[in-house]
């Protein structure tokens, strides 16, 4: 569970991509949130909303176009040399595609041991023992260390990816849609493994996904992104029980319900209109063109992410 210490502060983070002479794609535009030590913050939204770009910018894989990412009070985008290397040891990522993220020419042992070598953590037998321990920790065994990635299933490869992320003893991990490329039967196993590792090792997760039911299962808090902006942020319990932003309400209405009787009476909120382009977006709320509650102010002013209930933040002119 989450503790009281703030591990990462994201302040007005921006990540823009130049896509033409007069065109700028605003993938992440003025996003702010805190990540507490030991918690899991889920980040959800439609494909293309900027959640993966946000995660990669938070851990320094992309340079920020503006704003700050503070790790224990230090701006990670201003770190250099040893300080930057120290941060990369503390922050790791689990990639979405377990097939593309592992080098097919390296054995599993070498893949997991690469980070250990870079940071000079263990050598000789100590390093071998560490690799074996990591394999067992993620549900594999030491015989797997001498095999190559193509000899494993998708779920097993993702476990190898998790072992690689854990190899250098990080405290913060960006989970970039770690289950979306896996069979449904394997997804729950991987999520339960992540929960187990968090409890045992005191890890902090930024869990990026579009599977809303799985995000609810693993997250302490959930942030909802739409077209590069954060539109709602609340505890998992509050967000799923009482979504306040019209976009969040539409998203949650699409979650399948296992109870047939409830499913029959549930009303699915269907969004109409085209998704606006994130390239040179128009003034005002990004969701306004698809929102049935939109008024004049929504088309003119960008709504501020404000706290409307204790711990519940919403960026919407309609919600008071």
C-alpha atoms as a PDB file:
ATOM      1  CA  UNK A   1       0.000   0.000   0.000  1.00  0.00           C
ATOM      2  CA  UNK A   2       0.978   3.597  -0.498  1.00  0.00           C
ATOM      3  CA  UNK A   3       3.040   5.423   2.088  1.00  0.00           C
ATOM      4  CA  UNK A   4       3.070   9.149   2.896  1.00  0.00           C
ATOM      5  CA  UNK A   5       6.396  10.025   1.270  1.00  0.00           C
ATOM      6  CA  UNK A   6       6.246  11.593  -2.203  1.00  0.00           C
ATOM      7  CA  UNK A   7       8.704   9.732  -4.442  1.00  0.00           C
ATOM      8  CA  UNK A   8       8.026  11.469  -7.769  1.00  0.00           C
ATOM      9  CA  UNK A   9       6.468  14.873  -8.461  1.00  0.00           C
ATOM     10  CA  UNK A  10       5.353  15.591 -12.016  1.00  0.00           C
ATOM     11  CA  UNK A  11       4.789  19.323 -12.482  1.00  0.00           C
ATOM     12  CA  UNK A  12       3.207  20.767 -15.658  1.00  0.00           C
ATOM     13  CA  UNK A  13       4.955  18.139 -17.784  1.00  0.00           C
ATOM     14  CA  UNK A  14       4.965  18.710 -21.540  1.00  0.00           C
ATOM     15  CA  UNK A  15       6.237  16.519 -24.365  1.00  0.00           C
ATOM     16  CA  UNK A  16       5.850  17.930 -27.868  1.00  0.00           C
ATOM     17  CA  UNK A  17       6.956  16.467 -31.192  1.00  0.00           C
ATOM     18  CA  UNK A  18       7.624  18.628 -34.242  1.00  0.00           C
ATOM     19  CA  UNK A  19       5.787  16.927 -37.125  1.00  0.00           C
ATOM     20  CA  UNK A  20       5.976  19.631 -39.774  1.00  0.00           C
ATOM     21  CA  UNK A  21       7.126  23.210 -40.476  1.00  0.00           C
ATOM     22  CA  UNK A  22       4.165  24.683 -38.574  1.00  0.00           C
ATOM     23  CA  UNK A  23       2.798  21.592 -36.853  1.00  0.00           C
ATOM     24  CA  UNK A  24       3.472  20.437 -33.273  1.00  0.00           C
ATOM     25  CA  UNK A  25       2.006  17.247 -31.824  1.00  0.00           C
ATOM     26  CA  UNK A  26       1.259  17.890 -28.148  1.00  0.00           C
ATOM     27  CA  UNK A  27       1.473  14.307 -26.871  1.00  0.00           C
ATOM     28  CA  UNK A  28       1.656  15.354 -23.205  1.00  0.00           C
ATOM     29  CA  UNK A  29       0.418  18.842 -22.411  1.00  0.00           C
ATOM     30  CA  UNK A  30       0.654  20.318 -18.912  1.00  0.00           C
ATOM     31  CA  UNK A  31       0.215  17.103 -16.880  1.00  0.00           C
ATOM     32  CA  UNK A  32       0.765  17.146 -13.101  1.00  0.00           C
ATOM     33  CA  UNK A  33       0.569  14.427 -10.446  1.00  0.00           C
ATOM     34  CA  UNK A  34       2.469  12.987  -7.490  1.00  0.00           C
ATOM     35  CA  UNK A  35       3.528   9.382  -7.004  1.00  0.00           C
ATOM     36  CA  UNK A  36       3.784   8.223  -3.399  1.00  0.00           C
ATOM     37  CA  UNK A  37       6.413   5.734  -2.311  1.00  0.00           C
ATOM     38  CA  UNK A  38       5.013   2.192  -2.382  1.00  0.00           C
ATOM     39  CA  UNK A  39       1.824   2.984  -4.321  1.00  0.00           C
ATOM     40  CA  UNK A  40       0.539   2.039  -7.753  1.00  0.00           C
ATOM     41  CA  UNK A  41      -0.807   4.872  -9.875  1.00  0.00           C
ATOM     42  CA  UNK A  42      -2.801   3.637 -12.854  1.00  0.00           C
ATOM     43  CA  UNK A  43      -2.790   5.740 -16.027  1.00  0.00           C
ATOM     44  CA  UNK A  44      -5.648   5.054 -18.442  1.00  0.00           C
ATOM     45  CA  UNK A  45      -7.186   6.460 -21.601  1.00  0.00           C
ATOM     46  CA  UNK A  46      -7.856   5.676 -25.250  1.00  0.00           C
ATOM     47  CA  UNK A  47      -5.025   4.724 -27.596  1.00  0.00           C
ATOM     48  CA  UNK A  48      -3.151   7.871 -28.574  1.00  0.00           C
ATOM     49  CA  UNK A  49      -4.040   9.819 -25.416  1.00  0.00           C
ATOM     50  CA  UNK A  50      -0.358  10.181 -24.463  1.00  0.00           C
ATOM     51  CA  UNK A  51      -0.149   7.828 -21.490  1.00  0.00           C
ATOM     52  CA  UNK A  52       2.868   5.853 -22.789  1.00  0.00           C
ATOM     53  CA  UNK A  53       4.671   9.057 -23.816  1.00  0.00           C
ATOM     54  CA  UNK A  54       3.956  10.439 -20.351  1.00  0.00           C
ATOM     55  CA  UNK A  55       5.415   7.318 -18.695  1.00  0.00           C
ATOM     56  CA  UNK A  56       8.552   7.382 -20.820  1.00  0.00           C
ATOM     57  CA  UNK A  57       9.079  11.098 -20.205  1.00  0.00           C
ATOM     58  CA  UNK A  58       8.601  10.612 -16.446  1.00  0.00           C
ATOM     59  CA  UNK A  59      11.447   8.092 -16.369  1.00  0.00           C
ATOM     60  CA  UNK A  60      13.683  10.099 -18.693  1.00  0.00           C
ATOM     61  CA  UNK A  61      13.549   8.024 -21.895  1.00  0.00           C
ATOM     62  CA  UNK A  62      12.194  11.117 -23.677  1.00  0.00           C
ATOM     63  CA  UNK A  63      13.476  14.637 -22.905  1.00  0.00           C
ATOM     64  CA  UNK A  64      10.718  16.892 -21.577  1.00  0.00           C
ATOM     65  CA  UNK A  65       9.541  19.851 -23.679  1.00  0.00           C
ATOM     66  CA  UNK A  66       8.530  21.668 -20.508  1.00  0.00           C
ATOM     67  CA  UNK A  67       7.719  21.196 -16.836  1.00  0.00           C
ATOM     68  CA  UNK A  68       9.561  19.090 -14.291  1.00  0.00           C
ATOM     69  CA  UNK A  69       9.853  15.515 -13.061  1.00  0.00           C
ATOM     70  CA  UNK A  70      11.243  15.586  -9.524  1.00  0.00           C
ATOM     71  CA  UNK A  71      12.647  12.378  -8.031  1.00  0.00           C
ATOM     72  CA  UNK A  72      13.429  12.863  -4.335  1.00  0.00           C
ATOM     73  CA  UNK A  73      13.471  16.592  -5.089  1.00  0.00           C
ATOM     74  CA  UNK A  74      15.848  16.415  -8.076  1.00  0.00           C
ATOM     75  CA  UNK A  75      14.741  17.274 -11.620  1.00  0.00           C
ATOM     76  CA  UNK A  76      15.636  14.112 -13.554  1.00  0.00           C
ATOM     77  CA  UNK A  77      15.837  15.972 -16.868  1.00  0.00           C
ATOM     78  CA  UNK A  78      18.705  18.066 -15.511  1.00  0.00           C
ATOM     79  CA  UNK A  79      20.779  15.146 -14.221  1.00  0.00           C
ATOM     80  CA  UNK A  80      24.083  14.285 -15.899  1.00  0.00           C
ATOM     81  CA  UNK A  81      26.935  11.830 -15.460  1.00  0.00           C
ATOM     82  CA  UNK A  82      26.904   9.785 -12.252  1.00  0.00           C
ATOM     83  CA  UNK A  83      23.676  11.399 -10.983  1.00  0.00           C
ATOM     84  CA  UNK A  84      21.860  10.352 -14.180  1.00  0.00           C
ATOM     85  CA  UNK A  85      23.269   6.833 -13.952  1.00  0.00           C
ATOM     86  CA  UNK A  86      22.170   6.591 -10.300  1.00  0.00           C
ATOM     87  CA  UNK A  87      18.632   7.568 -11.309  1.00  0.00           C
ATOM     88  CA  UNK A  88      18.514   4.977 -14.116  1.00  0.00           C
ATOM     89  CA  UNK A  89      19.318   2.348 -11.507  1.00  0.00           C
ATOM     90  CA  UNK A  90      16.386   3.446  -9.350  1.00  0.00           C
ATOM     91  CA  UNK A  91      13.870   3.738 -12.242  1.00  0.00           C
ATOM     92  CA  UNK A  92      13.161   0.902 -14.662  1.00  0.00           C
ATOM     93  CA  UNK A  93      10.530   0.042 -17.288  1.00  0.00           C
ATOM     94  CA  UNK A  94       8.613  -3.093 -18.294  1.00  0.00           C
ATOM     95  CA  UNK A  95       7.785  -2.780 -21.990  1.00  0.00           C
ATOM     96  CA  UNK A  96       4.501  -3.592 -23.695  1.00  0.00           C
ATOM     97  CA  UNK A  97       5.725  -6.130 -26.230  1.00  0.00           C
ATOM     98  CA  UNK A  98       7.573  -9.097 -24.687  1.00  0.00           C
ATOM     99  CA  UNK A  99       8.556 -10.274 -28.172  1.00  0.00           C
ATOM    100  CA  UNK A 100      10.232  -7.058 -29.340  1.00  0.00           C
ATOM    101  CA  UNK A 101      11.800  -5.965 -26.046  1.00  0.00           C
ATOM    102  CA  UNK A 102      14.180  -8.935 -25.597  1.00  0.00           C
ATOM    103  CA  UNK A 103      17.332  -9.319 -27.696  1.00  0.00           C
ATOM    104  CA  UNK A 104      16.885 -12.614 -29.632  1.00  0.00           C
ATOM    105  CA  UNK A 105      20.668 -13.144 -29.819  1.00  0.00           C
ATOM    106  CA  UNK A 106      21.209 -13.043 -26.049  1.00  0.00           C
ATOM    107  CA  UNK A 107      20.518 -15.783 -23.526  1.00  0.00           C
ATOM    108  CA  UNK A 108      18.074 -15.033 -20.728  1.00  0.00           C
ATOM    109  CA  UNK A 109      20.959 -14.960 -18.250  1.00  0.00           C
ATOM    110  CA  UNK A 110      22.782 -12.320 -20.311  1.00  0.00           C
ATOM    111  CA  UNK A 111      19.606 -10.259 -20.756  1.00  0.00           C
ATOM    112  CA  UNK A 112      18.983 -10.135 -17.003  1.00  0.00           C
ATOM    113  CA  UNK A 113      22.676  -9.689 -16.200  1.00  0.00           C
ATOM    114  CA  UNK A 114      23.253  -6.757 -18.571  1.00  0.00           C
ATOM    115  CA  UNK A 115      22.067  -4.115 -16.091  1.00  0.00           C
ATOM    116  CA  UNK A 116      24.030  -5.778 -13.292  1.00  0.00           C
ATOM    117  CA  UNK A 117      27.203  -5.396 -15.391  1.00  0.00           C
ATOM    118  CA  UNK A 118      26.487  -1.761 -16.334  1.00  0.00           C
ATOM    119  CA  UNK A 119      26.062  -0.762 -12.682  1.00  0.00           C
ATOM    120  CA  UNK A 120      28.827  -3.064 -11.395  1.00  0.00           C
ATOM    121  CA  UNK A 121      26.547  -4.608  -8.771  1.00  0.00           C
ATOM    122  CA  UNK A 122      27.708  -8.243  -8.751  1.00  0.00           C
ATOM    123  CA  UNK A 123      30.412 -10.312 -10.424  1.00  0.00           C
ATOM    124  CA  UNK A 124      31.305 -13.989 -10.755  1.00  0.00           C
ATOM    125  CA  UNK A 125      29.245 -16.474  -8.763  1.00  0.00           C
ATOM    126  CA  UNK A 126      27.378 -13.687  -6.936  1.00  0.00           C
ATOM    127  CA  UNK A 127      26.050 -12.429 -10.272  1.00  0.00           C
ATOM    128  CA  UNK A 128      25.003 -15.951 -11.349  1.00  0.00           C
ATOM    129  CA  UNK A 129      23.239 -16.506  -8.023  1.00  0.00           C
ATOM    130  CA  UNK A 130      21.471 -13.150  -8.407  1.00  0.00           C
ATOM    131  CA  UNK A 131      20.202 -14.113 -11.886  1.00  0.00           C
ATOM    132  CA  UNK A 132      18.956 -17.483 -10.590  1.00  0.00           C
ATOM    133  CA  UNK A 133      17.190 -15.781  -7.670  1.00  0.00           C
ATOM    134  CA  UNK A 134      15.493 -13.295 -10.000  1.00  0.00           C
ATOM    135  CA  UNK A 135      14.258 -16.086 -12.282  1.00  0.00           C
ATOM    136  CA  UNK A 136      12.742 -17.901  -9.305  1.00  0.00           C
ATOM    137  CA  UNK A 137      11.235 -14.650  -8.041  1.00  0.00           C
ATOM    138  CA  UNK A 138       9.223 -14.242 -11.275  1.00  0.00           C
ATOM    139  CA  UNK A 139       8.116 -17.885 -11.456  1.00  0.00           C
ATOM    140  CA  UNK A 140      10.815 -19.347 -13.719  1.00  0.00           C
ATOM    141  CA  UNK A 141      13.775 -21.569 -12.797  1.00  0.00           C
ATOM    142  CA  UNK A 142      17.553 -21.405 -13.134  1.00  0.00           C
ATOM    143  CA  UNK A 143      17.616 -23.803 -16.124  1.00  0.00           C
ATOM    144  CA  UNK A 144      15.955 -21.038 -18.149  1.00  0.00           C
ATOM    145  CA  UNK A 145      19.059 -18.815 -17.856  1.00  0.00           C
ATOM    146  CA  UNK A 146      20.858 -20.594 -20.703  1.00  0.00           C
ATOM    147  CA  UNK A 147      17.926 -20.452 -23.135  1.00  0.00           C
ATOM    148  CA  UNK A 148      17.043 -17.836 -25.755  1.00  0.00           C
ATOM    149  CA  UNK A 149      13.863 -15.693 -25.880  1.00  0.00           C
ATOM    150  CA  UNK A 150      12.339 -17.588 -28.839  1.00  0.00           C
ATOM    151  CA  UNK A 151      12.068 -20.695 -26.649  1.00  0.00           C
ATOM    152  CA  UNK A 152       9.494 -19.057 -24.366  1.00  0.00           C
ATOM    153  CA  UNK A 153       5.798 -18.160 -24.510  1.00  0.00           C
ATOM    154  CA  UNK A 154       4.593 -14.552 -24.346  1.00  0.00           C
ATOM    155  CA  UNK A 155       3.800 -14.780 -20.634  1.00  0.00           C
ATOM    156  CA  UNK A 156       7.202 -16.284 -19.851  1.00  0.00           C
ATOM    157  CA  UNK A 157       8.945 -13.579 -21.886  1.00  0.00           C
ATOM    158  CA  UNK A 158       7.144 -10.892 -19.931  1.00  0.00           C
ATOM    159  CA  UNK A 159       8.338 -12.557 -16.713  1.00  0.00           C
ATOM    160  CA  UNK A 160      11.889 -12.327 -18.108  1.00  0.00           C
ATOM    161  CA  UNK A 161      11.260  -8.633 -18.810  1.00  0.00           C
ATOM    162  CA  UNK A 162      10.131  -8.179 -15.197  1.00  0.00           C
ATOM    163  CA  UNK A 163      13.247 -10.008 -13.923  1.00  0.00           C
ATOM    164  CA  UNK A 164      15.420  -7.719 -16.065  1.00  0.00           C
ATOM    165  CA  UNK A 165      13.717  -4.631 -14.594  1.00  0.00           C
ATOM    166  CA  UNK A 166      14.268  -5.954 -11.042  1.00  0.00           C
ATOM    167  CA  UNK A 167      17.908  -6.937 -11.612  1.00  0.00           C
ATOM    168  CA  UNK A 168      19.411  -3.630 -10.488  1.00  0.00           C
ATOM    169  CA  UNK A 169      17.132  -3.270  -7.437  1.00  0.00           C
ATOM    170  CA  UNK A 170      14.989  -0.283  -8.554  1.00  0.00           C
ATOM    171  CA  UNK A 171      12.340   1.370  -6.402  1.00  0.00           C
ATOM    172  CA  UNK A 172      10.231   2.825  -9.231  1.00  0.00           C
ATOM    173  CA  UNK A 173       8.980   0.893 -12.268  1.00  0.00           C
ATOM    174  CA  UNK A 174       6.969   2.165 -15.237  1.00  0.00           C
ATOM    175  CA  UNK A 175       4.749  -0.714 -16.383  1.00  0.00           C
ATOM    176  CA  UNK A 176       3.975   0.268 -19.989  1.00  0.00           C
ATOM    177  CA  UNK A 177       0.904  -1.804 -20.872  1.00  0.00           C
ATOM    178  CA  UNK A 178       2.709  -4.957 -19.649  1.00  0.00           C
ATOM    179  CA  UNK A 179      -0.298  -7.242 -20.206  1.00  0.00           C
ATOM    180  CA  UNK A 180      -1.896  -5.954 -23.429  1.00  0.00           C
ATOM    181  CA  UNK A 181       0.100  -8.316 -25.696  1.00  0.00           C
ATOM    182  CA  UNK A 182      -0.667 -11.387 -23.564  1.00  0.00           C
ATOM    183  CA  UNK A 183      -3.462 -13.960 -23.637  1.00  0.00           C
ATOM    184  CA  UNK A 184      -6.332 -13.130 -21.283  1.00  0.00           C
ATOM    185  CA  UNK A 185      -5.613 -16.256 -19.224  1.00  0.00           C
ATOM    186  CA  UNK A 186      -2.035 -15.056 -18.625  1.00  0.00           C
ATOM    187  CA  UNK A 187      -2.824 -11.402 -17.893  1.00  0.00           C
ATOM    188  CA  UNK A 188      -4.119 -12.011 -14.363  1.00  0.00           C
ATOM    189  CA  UNK A 189      -1.045 -14.136 -13.527  1.00  0.00           C
ATOM    190  CA  UNK A 190       1.320 -11.322 -14.543  1.00  0.00           C
ATOM    191  CA  UNK A 191      -0.684  -8.668 -12.649  1.00  0.00           C
ATOM    192  CA  UNK A 192      -0.788 -10.835  -9.516  1.00  0.00           C
ATOM    193  CA  UNK A 193       2.976 -11.345  -9.848  1.00  0.00           C
ATOM    194  CA  UNK A 194       3.483  -7.552  -9.995  1.00  0.00           C
ATOM    195  CA  UNK A 195       1.321  -7.105  -6.871  1.00  0.00           C
ATOM    196  CA  UNK A 196       3.290  -9.823  -5.044  1.00  0.00           C
ATOM    197  CA  UNK A 197       6.644  -8.256  -6.001  1.00  0.00           C
ATOM    198  CA  UNK A 198       5.460  -4.833  -4.879  1.00  0.00           C
ATOM    199  CA  UNK A 199       4.600  -6.154  -1.430  1.00  0.00           C
ATOM    200  CA  UNK A 200       7.865  -8.071  -1.066  1.00  0.00           C
ATOM    201  CA  UNK A 201      10.225  -5.418  -2.464  1.00  0.00           C
ATOM    202  CA  UNK A 202       8.436  -2.148  -1.630  1.00  0.00           C
ATOM    203  CA  UNK A 203       8.176  -1.083  -5.273  1.00  0.00           C
ATOM    204  CA  UNK A 204       6.363   1.955  -6.678  1.00  0.00           C
ATOM    205  CA  UNK A 205       4.521   1.505  -9.989  1.00  0.00           C
ATOM    206  CA  UNK A 206       3.218   3.784 -12.714  1.00  0.00           C
ATOM    207  CA  UNK A 207       0.886   1.251 -14.341  1.00  0.00           C
ATOM    208  CA  UNK A 208      -0.155   2.259 -17.874  1.00  0.00           C
ATOM    209  CA  UNK A 209      -3.000   0.291 -19.445  1.00  0.00           C
ATOM    210  CA  UNK A 210      -6.289   0.507 -21.301  1.00  0.00           C
ATOM    211  CA  UNK A 211      -7.818  -2.524 -19.541  1.00  0.00           C
ATOM    212  CA  UNK A 212      -9.874  -0.636 -16.960  1.00  0.00           C
ATOM    213  CA  UNK A 213     -10.879  -3.694 -14.916  1.00  0.00           C
ATOM    214  CA  UNK A 214      -7.221  -4.735 -14.509  1.00  0.00           C
ATOM    215  CA  UNK A 215      -6.231  -1.183 -13.559  1.00  0.00           C
ATOM    216  CA  UNK A 216      -8.883  -1.221 -10.842  1.00  0.00           C
ATOM    217  CA  UNK A 217      -7.443  -4.488  -9.496  1.00  0.00           C
ATOM    218  CA  UNK A 218      -3.850  -3.256  -9.163  1.00  0.00           C
ATOM    219  CA  UNK A 219      -4.029   0.532  -8.596  1.00  0.00           C
ATOM    220  CA  UNK A 220      -4.269   2.629  -5.434  1.00  0.00           C
ATOM    221  CA  UNK A 221      -5.076   5.728  -7.487  1.00  0.00           C
ATOM    222  CA  UNK A 222      -6.030   6.198 -11.135  1.00  0.00           C
ATOM    223  CA  UNK A 223      -5.372   9.072 -13.528  1.00  0.00           C
ATOM    224  CA  UNK A 224      -7.445   9.430 -16.706  1.00  0.00           C
ATOM    225  CA  UNK A 225      -5.798  11.037 -19.732  1.00  0.00           C
ATOM    226  CA  UNK A 226      -7.493  12.461 -22.801  1.00  0.00           C
ATOM    227  CA  UNK A 227      -5.572  13.849 -25.775  1.00  0.00           C
ATOM    228  CA  UNK A 228      -2.430  14.677 -23.797  1.00  0.00           C
ATOM    229  CA  UNK A 229      -4.126  16.116 -20.714  1.00  0.00           C
ATOM    230  CA  UNK A 230      -5.105  14.718 -17.323  1.00  0.00           C
ATOM    231  CA  UNK A 231      -8.879  15.019 -16.952  1.00  0.00           C
ATOM    232  CA  UNK A 232      -9.453  13.144 -13.671  1.00  0.00           C
ATOM    233  CA  UNK A 233      -7.342  11.796 -10.811  1.00  0.00           C
ATOM    234  CA  UNK A 234      -8.687   9.999  -7.755  1.00  0.00           C
ATOM    235  CA  UNK A 235      -8.370   6.917  -5.592  1.00  0.00           C
ATOM    236  CA  UNK A 236      -9.275   3.749  -7.469  1.00  0.00           C
ATOM    237  CA  UNK A 237     -12.269   3.209  -5.177  1.00  0.00           C
ATOM    238  CA  UNK A 238     -13.663   6.734  -5.673  1.00  0.00           C
ATOM    239  CA  UNK A 239     -13.041   6.878  -9.414  1.00  0.00           C
ATOM    240  CA  UNK A 240     -14.839   3.613 -10.174  1.00  0.00           C
ATOM    241  CA  UNK A 241     -17.668   4.277  -7.694  1.00  0.00           C
ATOM    242  CA  UNK A 242     -18.325   7.885  -8.739  1.00  0.00           C
ATOM    243  CA  UNK A 243     -16.602   9.082 -11.932  1.00  0.00           C
ATOM    244  CA  UNK A 244     -17.145  12.844 -12.306  1.00  0.00           C
ATOM    245  CA  UNK A 245     -15.672  13.771 -15.692  1.00  0.00           C
ATOM    246  CA  UNK A 246     -17.970  12.984 -18.670  1.00  0.00           C
ATOM    247  CA  UNK A 247     -15.095  11.206 -20.457  1.00  0.00           C
ATOM    248  CA  UNK A 248     -14.356   8.989 -17.441  1.00  0.00           C
ATOM    249  CA  UNK A 249     -18.052   8.141 -17.175  1.00  0.00           C
ATOM    250  CA  UNK A 250     -18.067   7.048 -20.828  1.00  0.00           C
ATOM    251  CA  UNK A 251     -14.891   4.980 -20.371  1.00  0.00           C
ATOM    252  CA  UNK A 252     -16.186   3.136 -17.316  1.00  0.00           C
ATOM    253  CA  UNK A 253     -19.555   2.451 -18.936  1.00  0.00           C
ATOM    254  CA  UNK A 254     -17.711   0.308 -21.502  1.00  0.00           C
ATOM    255  CA  UNK A 255     -16.310  -2.151 -18.915  1.00  0.00           C
ATOM    256  CA  UNK A 256     -17.966  -5.583 -19.348  1.00  0.00           C
ATOM    257  CA  UNK A 257     -19.969  -6.781 -16.328  1.00  0.00           C
ATOM    258  CA  UNK A 258     -20.033 -10.530 -15.522  1.00  0.00           C
ATOM    259  CA  UNK A 259     -23.590 -10.337 -14.129  1.00  0.00           C
ATOM    260  CA  UNK A 260     -26.116 -10.725 -16.994  1.00  0.00           C
ATOM    261  CA  UNK A 261     -28.934  -8.970 -15.129  1.00  0.00           C
ATOM    262  CA  UNK A 262     -26.802  -5.915 -14.356  1.00  0.00           C
ATOM    263  CA  UNK A 263     -25.452  -5.871 -17.916  1.00  0.00           C
ATOM    264  CA  UNK A 264     -28.999  -5.726 -19.318  1.00  0.00           C
ATOM    265  CA  UNK A 265     -29.928  -2.673 -17.255  1.00  0.00           C
ATOM    266  CA  UNK A 266     -26.635  -0.809 -17.660  1.00  0.00           C
ATOM    267  CA  UNK A 267     -26.592   2.072 -20.093  1.00  0.00           C
ATOM    268  CA  UNK A 268     -23.518   2.373 -22.282  1.00  0.00           C
ATOM    269  CA  UNK A 269     -22.479   5.979 -22.894  1.00  0.00           C
ATOM    270  CA  UNK A 270     -21.690   6.320 -26.587  1.00  0.00           C
ATOM    271  CA  UNK A 271     -19.449   9.251 -27.482  1.00  0.00           C
ATOM    272  CA  UNK A 272     -20.248  11.050 -30.706  1.00  0.00           C
ATOM    273  CA  UNK A 273     -18.117  13.236 -32.927  1.00  0.00           C
ATOM    274  CA  UNK A 274     -14.525  12.996 -34.107  1.00  0.00           C
ATOM    275  CA  UNK A 275     -11.546  12.860 -31.771  1.00  0.00           C
ATOM    276  CA  UNK A 276      -9.755  16.217 -32.228  1.00  0.00           C
ATOM    277  CA  UNK A 277      -6.193  16.176 -33.517  1.00  0.00           C
ATOM    278  CA  UNK A 278      -3.398  16.551 -30.931  1.00  0.00           C
ATOM    279  CA  UNK A 279      -1.508  18.553 -33.602  1.00  0.00           C
ATOM    280  CA  UNK A 280      -1.945  22.269 -32.900  1.00  0.00           C
ATOM    281  CA  UNK A 281      -5.089  21.662 -30.782  1.00  0.00           C
ATOM    282  CA  UNK A 282      -7.790  24.327 -30.616  1.00  0.00           C
ATOM    283  CA  UNK A 283      -8.295  26.447 -27.474  1.00  0.00           C
ATOM    284  CA  UNK A 284     -10.540  25.197 -24.701  1.00  0.00           C
ATOM    285  CA  UNK A 285     -11.259  21.732 -23.313  1.00  0.00           C
ATOM    286  CA  UNK A 286      -9.952  18.956 -25.566  1.00  0.00           C
ATOM    287  CA  UNK A 287     -13.035  16.848 -24.832  1.00  0.00           C
ATOM    288  CA  UNK A 288     -15.572  19.621 -25.599  1.00  0.00           C
ATOM    289  CA  UNK A 289     -16.269  18.577 -29.246  1.00  0.00           C
ATOM    290  CA  UNK A 290     -17.516  15.155 -27.996  1.00  0.00           C
ATOM    291  CA  UNK A 291     -19.155  16.263 -24.734  1.00  0.00           C
ATOM    292  CA  UNK A 292     -22.937  16.577 -24.568  1.00  0.00           C
ATOM    293  CA  UNK A 293     -22.646  18.953 -21.587  1.00  0.00           C
ATOM    294  CA  UNK A 294     -20.239  21.398 -23.294  1.00  0.00           C
ATOM    295  CA  UNK A 295     -21.013  25.106 -22.983  1.00  0.00           C
ATOM    296  CA  UNK A 296     -19.362  28.244 -24.361  1.00  0.00           C
ATOM    297  CA  UNK A 297     -16.632  28.371 -21.704  1.00  0.00           C
ATOM    298  CA  UNK A 298     -15.582  24.800 -22.584  1.00  0.00           C
ATOM    299  CA  UNK A 299     -14.693  25.879 -26.128  1.00  0.00           C
ATOM    300  CA  UNK A 300     -12.709  28.914 -24.985  1.00  0.00           C
ATOM    301  CA  UNK A 301     -10.896  28.076 -21.731  1.00  0.00           C
ATOM    302  CA  UNK A 302      -8.754  25.082 -20.799  1.00  0.00           C
ATOM    303  CA  UNK A 303     -10.208  23.676 -17.554  1.00  0.00           C
ATOM    304  CA  UNK A 304      -7.821  23.468 -14.609  1.00  0.00           C
ATOM    305  CA  UNK A 305      -7.328  20.168 -12.772  1.00  0.00           C
ATOM    306  CA  UNK A 306      -8.850  21.087  -9.413  1.00  0.00           C
ATOM    307  CA  UNK A 307      -9.733  19.203  -6.242  1.00  0.00           C
ATOM    308  CA  UNK A 308     -13.528  18.949  -6.052  1.00  0.00           C
ATOM    309  CA  UNK A 309     -13.596  16.379  -3.216  1.00  0.00           C
ATOM    310  CA  UNK A 310     -10.792  15.282  -0.857  1.00  0.00           C
ATOM    311  CA  UNK A 311      -8.227  13.546  -3.084  1.00  0.00           C
ATOM    312  CA  UNK A 312     -10.488  13.713  -6.171  1.00  0.00           C
ATOM    313  CA  UNK A 313      -9.252  16.034  -8.946  1.00  0.00           C
ATOM    314  CA  UNK A 314     -11.213  16.879 -12.115  1.00  0.00           C
ATOM    315  CA  UNK A 315     -10.489  19.160 -15.092  1.00  0.00           C
ATOM    316  CA  UNK A 316     -13.983  20.182 -16.151  1.00  0.00           C
ATOM    317  CA  UNK A 317     -15.950  23.449 -16.244  1.00  0.00           C
ATOM    318  CA  UNK A 318     -19.199  21.560 -15.582  1.00  0.00           C
ATOM    319  CA  UNK A 319     -18.097  19.762 -12.403  1.00  0.00           C
ATOM    320  CA  UNK A 320     -18.170  22.002  -9.329  1.00  0.00           C
END
